[in-house]
Amino acid sequence: DASIAYGAPGVRDNLGLLRAVRERRPEAFIVYKPHPDVLAGRRGGQAGLAEERRWCDAIVTDVPIHRLFDEVDEIELLT
């Protein structure tokens, strides 16, 4: 969509974001929260979660994102 096309220079997808974060922070414990539309099957990417697992330490699917804010040191977003 337009937010990715114009708001995410260099990194264009979640897998690319995970790779970039892992490269910048190799020792970090990285938690990945897929977009709810991906989990619901309304957007591509769910089949790729196996690949995402290679670049993060945990995948969280059952917690609202705002509940994680006080639990993490940094948040990385595409846009």
C-alpha atoms as a PDB file:
ATOM      1  CA  ASP A   1       0.000   0.000   0.000  1.00  0.00           C
ATOM      2  CA  ALA A   2       0.984   3.660  -0.148  1.00  0.00           C
ATOM      3  CA  SER A   3       2.345   3.736   3.405  1.00  0.00           C
ATOM      4  CA  ILE A   4       4.946   1.101   2.500  1.00  0.00           C
ATOM      5  CA  ALA A   5       5.704   2.586  -0.919  1.00  0.00           C
ATOM      6  CA  TYR A   6       6.316   6.075   0.454  1.00  0.00           C
ATOM      7  CA  GLY A   7       6.983   5.622   4.163  1.00  0.00           C
ATOM      8  CA  ALA A   8       9.449   2.744   4.337  1.00  0.00           C
ATOM      9  CA  PRO A   9      12.557   3.614   2.331  1.00  0.00           C
ATOM     10  CA  GLY A  10      14.908   0.655   1.994  1.00  0.00           C
ATOM     11  CA  VAL A  11      12.884  -1.886   3.977  1.00  0.00           C
ATOM     12  CA  ARG A  12       9.658  -3.004   2.302  1.00  0.00           C
ATOM     13  CA  ASP A  13       8.325  -5.904   4.361  1.00  0.00           C
ATOM     14  CA  ASN A  14       8.270  -7.411   7.843  1.00  0.00           C
ATOM     15  CA  LEU A  15      10.938  -9.975   7.050  1.00  0.00           C
ATOM     16  CA  GLY A  16      13.256  -7.218   5.853  1.00  0.00           C
ATOM     17  CA  LEU A  17      12.551  -5.279   9.038  1.00  0.00           C
ATOM     18  CA  LEU A  18      13.369  -8.295  11.208  1.00  0.00           C
ATOM     19  CA  ARG A  19      16.614  -8.889   9.341  1.00  0.00           C
ATOM     20  CA  ALA A  20      17.626  -5.230   9.687  1.00  0.00           C
ATOM     21  CA  VAL A  21      16.883  -5.205  13.415  1.00  0.00           C
ATOM     22  CA  ARG A  22      18.816  -8.455  13.976  1.00  0.00           C
ATOM     23  CA  GLU A  23      21.787  -7.065  12.070  1.00  0.00           C
ATOM     24  CA  ARG A  24      21.747  -3.833  14.125  1.00  0.00           C
ATOM     25  CA  ARG A  25      21.111  -5.612  17.420  1.00  0.00           C
ATOM     26  CA  PRO A  26      22.552  -9.157  17.173  1.00  0.00           C
ATOM     27  CA  GLU A  27      22.361  -9.746  20.940  1.00  0.00           C
ATOM     28  CA  ALA A  28      18.824  -8.403  21.436  1.00  0.00           C
ATOM     29  CA  PHE A  29      15.826 -10.536  22.370  1.00  0.00           C
ATOM     30  CA  ILE A  30      13.535  -9.687  19.469  1.00  0.00           C
ATOM     31  CA  VAL A  31       9.770 -10.077  19.800  1.00  0.00           C
ATOM     32  CA  TYR A  32       7.776 -10.003  16.565  1.00  0.00           C
ATOM     33  CA  LYS A  33       4.059  -9.190  16.497  1.00  0.00           C
ATOM     34  CA  PRO A  34       2.508  -9.914  13.085  1.00  0.00           C
ATOM     35  CA  HIS A  35      -0.194  -7.598  11.814  1.00  0.00           C
ATOM     36  CA  PRO A  36      -3.672  -8.851  12.836  1.00  0.00           C
ATOM     37  CA  ASP A  37      -4.724  -9.005   9.166  1.00  0.00           C
ATOM     38  CA  VAL A  38      -1.870 -11.431   8.469  1.00  0.00           C
ATOM     39  CA  LEU A  39      -2.985 -13.684  11.305  1.00  0.00           C
ATOM     40  CA  ALA A  40      -6.589 -13.573  10.098  1.00  0.00           C
ATOM     41  CA  GLY A  41      -5.547 -14.551   6.574  1.00  0.00           C
ATOM     42  CA  ARG A  42      -6.675 -11.238   5.046  1.00  0.00           C
ATOM     43  CA  ARG A  43      -3.144 -10.294   4.081  1.00  0.00           C
ATOM     44  CA  GLY A  44      -0.243 -12.342   2.777  1.00  0.00           C
ATOM     45  CA  GLY A  45       2.558 -13.429   5.044  1.00  0.00           C
ATOM     46  CA  GLN A  46       1.192 -16.022   7.448  1.00  0.00           C
ATOM     47  CA  ALA A  47       2.856 -18.860   5.548  1.00  0.00           C
ATOM     48  CA  GLY A  48       6.126 -16.971   5.959  1.00  0.00           C
ATOM     49  CA  LEU A  49       6.106 -16.997   9.744  1.00  0.00           C
ATOM     50  CA  ALA A  50       8.584 -19.883   9.660  1.00  0.00           C
ATOM     51  CA  GLU A  51      11.054 -17.565   7.946  1.00  0.00           C
ATOM     52  CA  GLU A  52      10.334 -14.763  10.436  1.00  0.00           C
ATOM     53  CA  ARG A  53      11.090 -17.188  13.287  1.00  0.00           C
ATOM     54  CA  ARG A  54      14.664 -17.397  12.029  1.00  0.00           C
ATOM     55  CA  TRP A  55      15.187 -13.692  12.727  1.00  0.00           C
ATOM     56  CA  CYS A  56      13.389 -13.211  16.057  1.00  0.00           C
ATOM     57  CA  ASP A  57      13.298 -14.883  19.460  1.00  0.00           C
ATOM     58  CA  ALA A  58       9.537 -14.869  20.000  1.00  0.00           C
ATOM     59  CA  ILE A  59       6.371 -14.299  18.013  1.00  0.00           C
ATOM     60  CA  VAL A  60       3.481 -12.790  19.961  1.00  0.00           C
ATOM     61  CA  THR A  61      -0.005 -13.158  18.507  1.00  0.00           C
ATOM     62  CA  ASP A  62      -2.430 -13.027  21.407  1.00  0.00           C
ATOM     63  CA  VAL A  63      -1.507  -9.755  23.129  1.00  0.00           C
ATOM     64  CA  PRO A  64      -2.598  -6.260  22.032  1.00  0.00           C
ATOM     65  CA  ILE A  65       0.417  -4.252  20.924  1.00  0.00           C
ATOM     66  CA  HIS A  66      -0.153  -1.517  23.508  1.00  0.00           C
ATOM     67  CA  ARG A  67       0.351  -4.036  26.323  1.00  0.00           C
ATOM     68  CA  LEU A  68       3.898  -4.641  25.141  1.00  0.00           C
ATOM     69  CA  PHE A  69       4.997  -1.003  25.270  1.00  0.00           C
ATOM     70  CA  ASP A  70       6.060  -1.091  28.925  1.00  0.00           C
ATOM     71  CA  GLU A  71       7.810  -4.435  28.470  1.00  0.00           C
ATOM     72  CA  VAL A  72      10.291  -3.529  25.726  1.00  0.00           C
ATOM     73  CA  ASP A  73      13.272  -1.213  25.353  1.00  0.00           C
ATOM     74  CA  GLU A  74      12.684  -0.343  21.691  1.00  0.00           C
ATOM     75  CA  ILE A  75       9.962  -0.620  19.052  1.00  0.00           C
ATOM     76  CA  GLU A  76      10.769  -0.917  15.347  1.00  0.00           C
ATOM     77  CA  LEU A  77       8.117  -0.200  12.699  1.00  0.00           C
ATOM     78  CA  LEU A  78       8.053  -0.062   8.921  1.00  0.00           C
ATOM     79  CA  THR A  79       6.066   3.176   8.801  1.00  0.00           C
END
